Structures are given as C-alpha cells and as structure tokens.
Amino acid sequence: MRLVVIPGWNEAAKYLRTFAYGRRGIDGFDAFGVDCTIFPDGRDGLRERIDRFAAFLDGLRDREPDAFPIATLGYSAGGLINRGFLRAYPERAGEIAATIQVAAPNTGLITNYAAGTLRFAGFPVRPLRDMDVASPFMRWLNDVDGHWETDPDNPRKKRWHLNDKPWVAPVGHRILQIAGLMPKYGLQSDGVVMIESANLDGAMPTAYVESNEANHLNLGAVENLVATIFRRFAHDDRIWPRVVELSAKFLRSEPVP
C-alpha cells in the first residue's frame, strides 16, 4: 500500500523519514510492506494546505494511477490536513483507503498566548491560529462550535468541549487517531494535545500510547532543538516504533488495542 505522510506545524518533512525507513536498526513502514511518500511542509494556513494536498494527490495519481486508493498518515497538524481533505473534498473520499492521525488536535489547541510570542520568534503563526479551539477553521472542520467548562479536577482551569456531535469522517471511512497519554499529566494529555481534543470529545476511534516519554508522541520534533529545550522532547526511539506498529496493524485491518 502507498502511504502519504503529512508533517505537522513548523516541521520539516525530512524528519518524518523515520516513519518510512526506520533508524538505528528499528523498522519503519517499509519493513511492513508499506511504501511511503512524504507531503512537503509549508507555512500556509491549514485550509490552503488542504487544497495544496489535494493538488499533490492529483500529481501523484497522474504519475502512479495504480497506487490508488492510498492511505494517509498526518502527524499533529498534519492530522487536520488529512481529515480536512475528506471534509473539503467528500467526492474524492474513494481515493483514500484509510486515514491515520497521530497526535492530532481534533478540537484544537489553546493558542492565544503562544501565537504572539512565536510570531516575534519568526515562526509561521497562521497555521497555529487556525488550530485555536475557537477558530473558524476548527468550526468548519468539525461542523460544530464549542464552549468552556470548568475542569472537575482543577476548578481554576477550564477545558474546551464541543456543543454537539462533531463531523468525524465520511460514513464508512476507515479512520484512526493514535494519541499519547502521559501519566505525569494524569493521562489527560500528551503534553501538547488534551485527550478530549485528540479523541474529538469521544467521537474519534482512538488508540492510546501511555508513557511519560510520549510527549506529543515524540516523533518529528526529536531533531528539533527548540522542541528539545522547551518541550523536553527526548532524542530516543521508545515511542515512534509503537506508532508504526499500531498503524501497520490498522492498515492490515487487524485489531488495534
């Protein structure tokens, strides 16, 4: 099967080659008979990036028509791109045999403080603003708005929940989210994405990886110095092989815990 891998926000596509080929003697998707193509990174907004992804698939189909239907895997913001493609182009859902999200913030992130700081640091903030829980993009993607609720475990904090059942994917489409849960955060987040955002308030089929090393599932950013310093991402191989294994099982239609 051909798997198109989509990088996250402010992430160089080359970092996701680990998925395709593995490293340090640990297998990637190629060992499972999956041929990976990596979608280029970019600084454009998420809706524009979805359209660019659609054009990318047009080019792939022109070159390799026998590769379709393909599967897609989106890491972090990339998970909003592959699900967003299904939302924006429902007539093309047949081109996608299966959709995998990895650490995707399906109901968004709280970005109001981060966006301004990161803009001054030279980061592309338009995609980050699109990921805000209350952004027009998130309302469009999920076809529902949300509201703040007091966290029952911490009355000083609030958490974002959807007002109604969200749009997930076209009826009958095979989709899976793989999310990290860190015990040191009470199994409530991966250090970046809250559990209710990952599992779309319970509407998204989700497999969980529980580990204190699962900081945003410790994937592409393991070679990003900023992420290492500020998010304490580790340069190790403890988590990504588990993601590859779960994804390969899903693609083979095997049970995924």
Protein backbone atom coordinates (compact mmCIF):
# COMPACT_ATOMS: atom_id res chain seq x y z
CA MET A 1 0.00 0.00 0.00
CA ARG A 2 1.09 3.59 -0.63
CA LEU A 3 1.03 5.75 2.49
CA VAL A 4 1.28 9.52 2.20
CA VAL A 5 2.78 11.01 5.39
CA ILE A 6 1.89 14.61 6.27
CA PRO A 7 4.16 16.61 8.64
CA GLY A 8 2.89 18.87 11.38
CA TRP A 9 3.15 22.59 12.08
CA ASN A 10 6.58 24.17 11.55
CA GLU A 11 8.06 20.75 10.96
CA ALA A 12 10.49 19.79 8.21
CA ALA A 13 9.12 16.92 6.16
CA LYS A 14 12.53 15.21 6.23
CA TYR A 15 12.13 14.47 9.94
CA LEU A 16 9.32 12.04 9.14
CA ARG A 17 11.55 9.82 7.02
CA THR A 18 11.97 7.79 10.20
CA PHE A 19 8.43 6.51 9.65
CA ALA A 20 9.30 5.28 6.19
CA TYR A 21 12.73 3.73 6.72
CA GLY A 22 13.23 3.43 10.47
CA ARG A 23 16.55 4.19 12.15
CA ARG A 24 19.18 2.67 14.42
CA GLY A 25 18.18 -0.82 13.33
CA ILE A 26 14.47 -0.32 14.16
CA ASP A 27 11.99 -0.98 11.35
CA GLY A 28 9.87 1.67 9.65
CA PHE A 29 6.88 1.17 7.39
CA ASP A 30 8.97 -0.30 4.58
CA ALA A 31 9.50 -3.42 6.68
CA PHE A 32 5.72 -3.87 6.78
CA GLY A 33 5.37 -3.65 3.00
CA VAL A 34 4.14 -0.04 3.08
CA ASP A 35 5.64 2.40 0.58
CA CYS A 36 5.76 5.97 1.98
CA THR A 37 5.58 9.30 0.19
CA ILE A 38 6.07 12.45 2.28
CA PHE A 39 3.95 15.53 1.58
CA PRO A 40 6.10 18.70 1.59
CA ASP A 41 5.97 21.01 4.59
CA GLY A 42 4.80 24.61 4.27
CA ARG A 43 3.95 27.84 6.06
CA ASP A 44 0.47 28.37 4.61
CA GLY A 45 -2.82 28.27 6.52
CA LEU A 46 -4.48 24.93 7.11
CA ARG A 47 -7.32 25.38 4.62
CA GLU A 48 -4.85 26.40 1.93
CA ARG A 49 -2.66 23.49 2.85
CA ILE A 50 -5.61 21.11 2.36
CA ASP A 51 -6.04 22.44 -1.17
CA ARG A 52 -2.31 22.04 -1.77
CA PHE A 53 -2.59 18.46 -0.53
CA ALA A 54 -5.43 17.84 -2.99
CA ALA A 55 -3.22 19.12 -5.82
CA PHE A 56 -0.37 16.92 -4.55
CA LEU A 57 -2.64 13.87 -4.80
CA ASP A 58 -3.61 14.92 -8.35
CA GLY A 59 0.05 14.85 -9.32
CA LEU A 60 0.61 11.51 -7.59
CA ARG A 61 -2.37 9.98 -9.37
CA ASP A 62 -1.14 11.25 -12.74
CA ARG A 63 2.26 9.66 -12.15
CA GLU A 64 1.13 6.48 -10.41
CA PRO A 65 -2.55 5.74 -11.02
CA ASP A 66 -2.12 2.16 -9.81
CA ALA A 67 -1.15 3.42 -6.33
CA PHE A 68 -4.75 4.44 -5.60
CA PRO A 69 -6.57 4.16 -3.33
CA ILE A 70 -3.83 5.28 -0.96
CA ALA A 71 -3.71 5.67 2.82
CA THR A 72 -2.67 8.84 4.65
CA LEU A 73 -0.95 9.49 7.98
CA GLY A 74 -0.97 13.00 9.42
CA TYR A 75 1.20 13.88 12.40
CA SER A 76 -0.06 16.67 14.71
CA ALA A 77 -1.40 19.47 12.47
CA GLY A 78 -0.92 17.06 9.57
CA GLY A 79 -3.80 15.06 11.03
CA LEU A 80 -6.04 18.06 10.49
CA ILE A 81 -4.91 18.12 6.87
CA ASN A 82 -5.78 14.51 6.02
CA ARG A 83 -9.13 14.69 7.83
CA GLY A 84 -9.70 18.15 6.36
CA PHE A 85 -9.18 16.73 2.86
CA LEU A 86 -12.10 14.36 3.47
CA ARG A 87 -14.17 17.31 4.69
CA ALA A 88 -13.30 19.63 1.81
CA TYR A 89 -13.42 17.02 -0.96
CA PRO A 90 -16.05 14.42 0.02
CA GLU A 91 -16.40 13.39 -3.61
CA ARG A 92 -12.78 12.23 -3.51
CA ALA A 93 -13.02 10.09 -0.37
CA GLY A 94 -12.76 7.00 -2.53
CA GLU A 95 -9.14 7.92 -3.26
CA ILE A 96 -8.30 7.26 0.40
CA ALA A 97 -8.50 3.70 1.70
CA ALA A 98 -7.68 4.65 5.31
CA THR A 99 -6.82 7.76 7.33
CA ILE A 100 -4.45 7.69 10.31
CA GLN A 101 -3.93 10.65 12.62
CA VAL A 102 -1.06 10.80 15.09
CA ALA A 103 -1.27 13.28 18.00
CA ALA A 104 -3.75 15.43 16.06
CA PRO A 105 -5.57 18.23 17.95
CA ASN A 106 -9.02 17.44 16.55
CA THR A 107 -10.88 20.05 18.58
CA GLY A 108 -7.94 22.46 18.53
CA LEU A 109 -5.39 23.94 20.90
CA ILE A 110 -5.38 26.95 23.21
CA THR A 111 -3.12 29.25 21.21
CA ASN A 112 -3.99 32.79 22.27
CA TYR A 113 -0.84 33.18 24.36
CA ALA A 114 1.55 31.23 22.16
CA ALA A 115 0.77 32.85 18.80
CA GLY A 116 2.03 36.32 19.64
CA THR A 117 5.25 35.09 21.23
CA LEU A 118 6.03 32.71 18.38
CA ARG A 119 5.34 35.38 15.76
CA PHE A 120 8.12 37.52 17.19
CA ALA A 121 10.40 34.49 17.16
CA GLY A 122 9.84 34.09 13.42
CA PHE A 123 7.54 31.07 13.48
CA PRO A 124 4.65 30.79 11.00
CA VAL A 125 1.65 31.57 13.20
CA ARG A 126 -1.21 31.41 10.71
CA PRO A 127 -1.46 27.60 10.98
CA LEU A 128 -1.28 27.94 14.76
CA ARG A 129 -4.18 30.42 14.77
CA ASP A 130 -6.17 28.01 12.60
CA MET A 131 -5.65 25.37 15.29
CA ASP A 132 -7.13 27.53 18.04
CA VAL A 133 -10.15 25.85 19.66
CA ALA A 134 -12.46 28.72 18.67
CA SER A 135 -11.09 29.38 15.18
CA PRO A 136 -13.30 29.42 12.07
CA PHE A 137 -11.19 26.57 10.68
CA MET A 138 -11.96 24.27 13.63
CA ARG A 139 -15.68 25.15 13.47
CA TRP A 140 -15.64 24.32 9.75
CA LEU A 141 -13.72 21.05 10.18
CA ASN A 142 -15.92 19.68 12.97
CA ASP A 143 -19.18 21.32 11.84
CA VAL A 144 -19.85 22.41 15.41
CA ASP A 145 -18.79 25.09 17.87
CA GLY A 146 -17.70 24.57 21.46
CA HIS A 147 -17.69 26.07 24.93
CA TRP A 148 -15.54 26.24 28.04
CA GLU A 149 -16.25 24.01 31.04
CA THR A 150 -14.61 24.08 34.47
CA ASP A 151 -12.15 21.23 34.89
CA PRO A 152 -13.62 18.99 37.62
CA ASP A 153 -10.11 18.05 38.77
CA ASN A 154 -8.89 21.66 38.88
CA PRO A 155 -11.56 24.35 39.39
CA ARG A 156 -9.04 27.06 38.43
CA LYS A 157 -8.81 25.71 34.88
CA LYS A 158 -11.28 25.38 32.04
CA ARG A 159 -11.42 22.86 29.21
CA TRP A 160 -12.95 23.19 25.76
CA HIS A 161 -15.79 20.85 24.81
CA LEU A 162 -17.97 20.68 21.72
CA ASN A 163 -21.61 21.76 21.79
CA ASP A 164 -22.87 18.75 19.84
CA LYS A 165 -21.72 15.65 17.99
CA PRO A 166 -18.98 16.62 15.51
CA TRP A 167 -18.37 15.59 11.93
CA VAL A 168 -15.69 12.88 12.03
CA ALA A 169 -15.27 11.47 8.50
CA PRO A 170 -17.44 10.29 5.61
CA VAL A 171 -19.77 7.47 6.57
CA GLY A 172 -17.96 4.15 6.43
CA HIS A 173 -14.49 5.65 6.07
CA ARG A 174 -11.71 3.85 7.99
CA ILE A 175 -10.07 6.35 10.33
CA LEU A 176 -7.91 6.04 13.47
CA GLN A 177 -6.26 8.51 15.82
CA ILE A 178 -3.16 7.41 17.76
CA ALA A 179 -2.76 9.60 20.83
CA GLY A 180 -0.21 9.84 23.62
CA LEU A 181 -1.19 9.98 27.27
CA MET A 182 1.40 10.87 29.89
CA PRO A 183 0.95 9.60 33.48
CA LYS A 184 2.65 12.71 34.86
CA TYR A 185 -0.24 14.72 33.38
CA GLY A 186 -2.83 12.36 34.84
CA LEU A 187 -3.33 10.63 31.46
CA GLN A 188 -5.11 13.77 30.31
CA SER A 189 -2.73 14.91 27.55
CA ASP A 190 0.45 14.19 25.63
CA GLY A 191 1.96 17.42 26.91
CA VAL A 192 0.52 19.35 23.96
CA VAL A 193 -2.87 17.90 22.99
CA MET A 194 -5.60 17.28 25.57
CA ILE A 195 -7.33 13.90 25.46
CA GLU A 196 -10.71 15.42 24.52
CA SER A 197 -9.08 17.17 21.58
CA ALA A 198 -7.29 14.03 20.43
CA ASN A 199 -10.39 11.83 20.56
CA LEU A 200 -12.75 14.55 19.29
CA ASP A 201 -14.76 14.57 22.52
CA GLY A 202 -15.05 10.80 22.30
CA ALA A 203 -16.27 10.67 18.70
CA MET A 204 -12.97 9.60 17.08
CA PRO A 205 -11.78 5.97 17.13
CA THR A 206 -8.55 6.27 19.13
CA ALA A 207 -5.67 4.05 20.21
CA TYR A 208 -3.59 5.34 23.12
CA VAL A 209 0.10 5.09 23.92
CA GLU A 210 0.61 5.61 27.66
CA SER A 211 4.11 6.66 28.63
CA ASN A 212 5.92 9.60 30.18
CA GLU A 213 8.10 9.51 27.06
CA ALA A 214 5.04 10.06 24.84
CA ASN A 215 5.43 13.85 24.82
CA HIS A 216 3.37 14.69 21.72
CA LEU A 217 4.31 11.12 20.79
CA ASN A 218 7.97 12.16 20.48
CA LEU A 219 8.05 11.98 16.69
CA GLY A 220 9.23 14.58 14.20
CA ALA A 221 10.42 17.05 16.80
CA VAL A 222 13.05 14.72 18.20
CA GLU A 223 15.54 16.53 15.95
CA ASN A 224 14.15 20.00 16.62
CA LEU A 225 16.35 21.93 19.09
CA VAL A 226 13.53 24.29 20.15
CA ALA A 227 11.25 21.35 20.97
CA THR A 228 14.05 19.63 22.85
CA ILE A 229 14.76 22.66 25.04
CA PHE A 230 11.25 23.96 25.68
CA ARG A 231 9.13 20.78 25.46
CA ARG A 232 11.81 18.36 26.73
CA PHE A 233 11.32 16.04 23.78
CA ALA A 234 13.80 13.18 24.05
CA HIS A 235 16.13 12.03 21.28
CA ASP A 236 15.22 8.36 21.57
CA ASP A 237 13.37 5.54 19.85
CA ARG A 238 10.92 4.48 22.53
CA ILE A 239 7.63 5.72 21.08
CA TRP A 240 7.69 6.07 17.30
CA PRO A 241 8.11 2.28 16.68
CA ARG A 242 4.88 1.73 18.64
CA VAL A 243 3.11 4.21 16.37
CA VAL A 244 4.41 2.41 13.28
CA GLU A 245 3.27 -0.94 14.69
CA LEU A 246 -0.25 0.31 15.52
CA SER A 247 -0.55 2.00 12.13
CA ALA A 248 0.59 -1.12 10.26
CA LYS A 249 -1.97 -3.23 12.13
CA PHE A 250 -4.71 -0.78 11.24
CA LEU A 251 -3.70 -0.76 7.58
CA ARG A 252 -3.83 -4.57 7.59
CA SER A 253 -7.31 -4.42 9.18
CA GLU A 254 -6.02 -6.17 12.30
CA PRO A 255 -7.40 -5.34 15.77
CA VAL A 256 -5.78 -2.23 17.24
CA PRO A 257 -5.91 -2.01 21.06
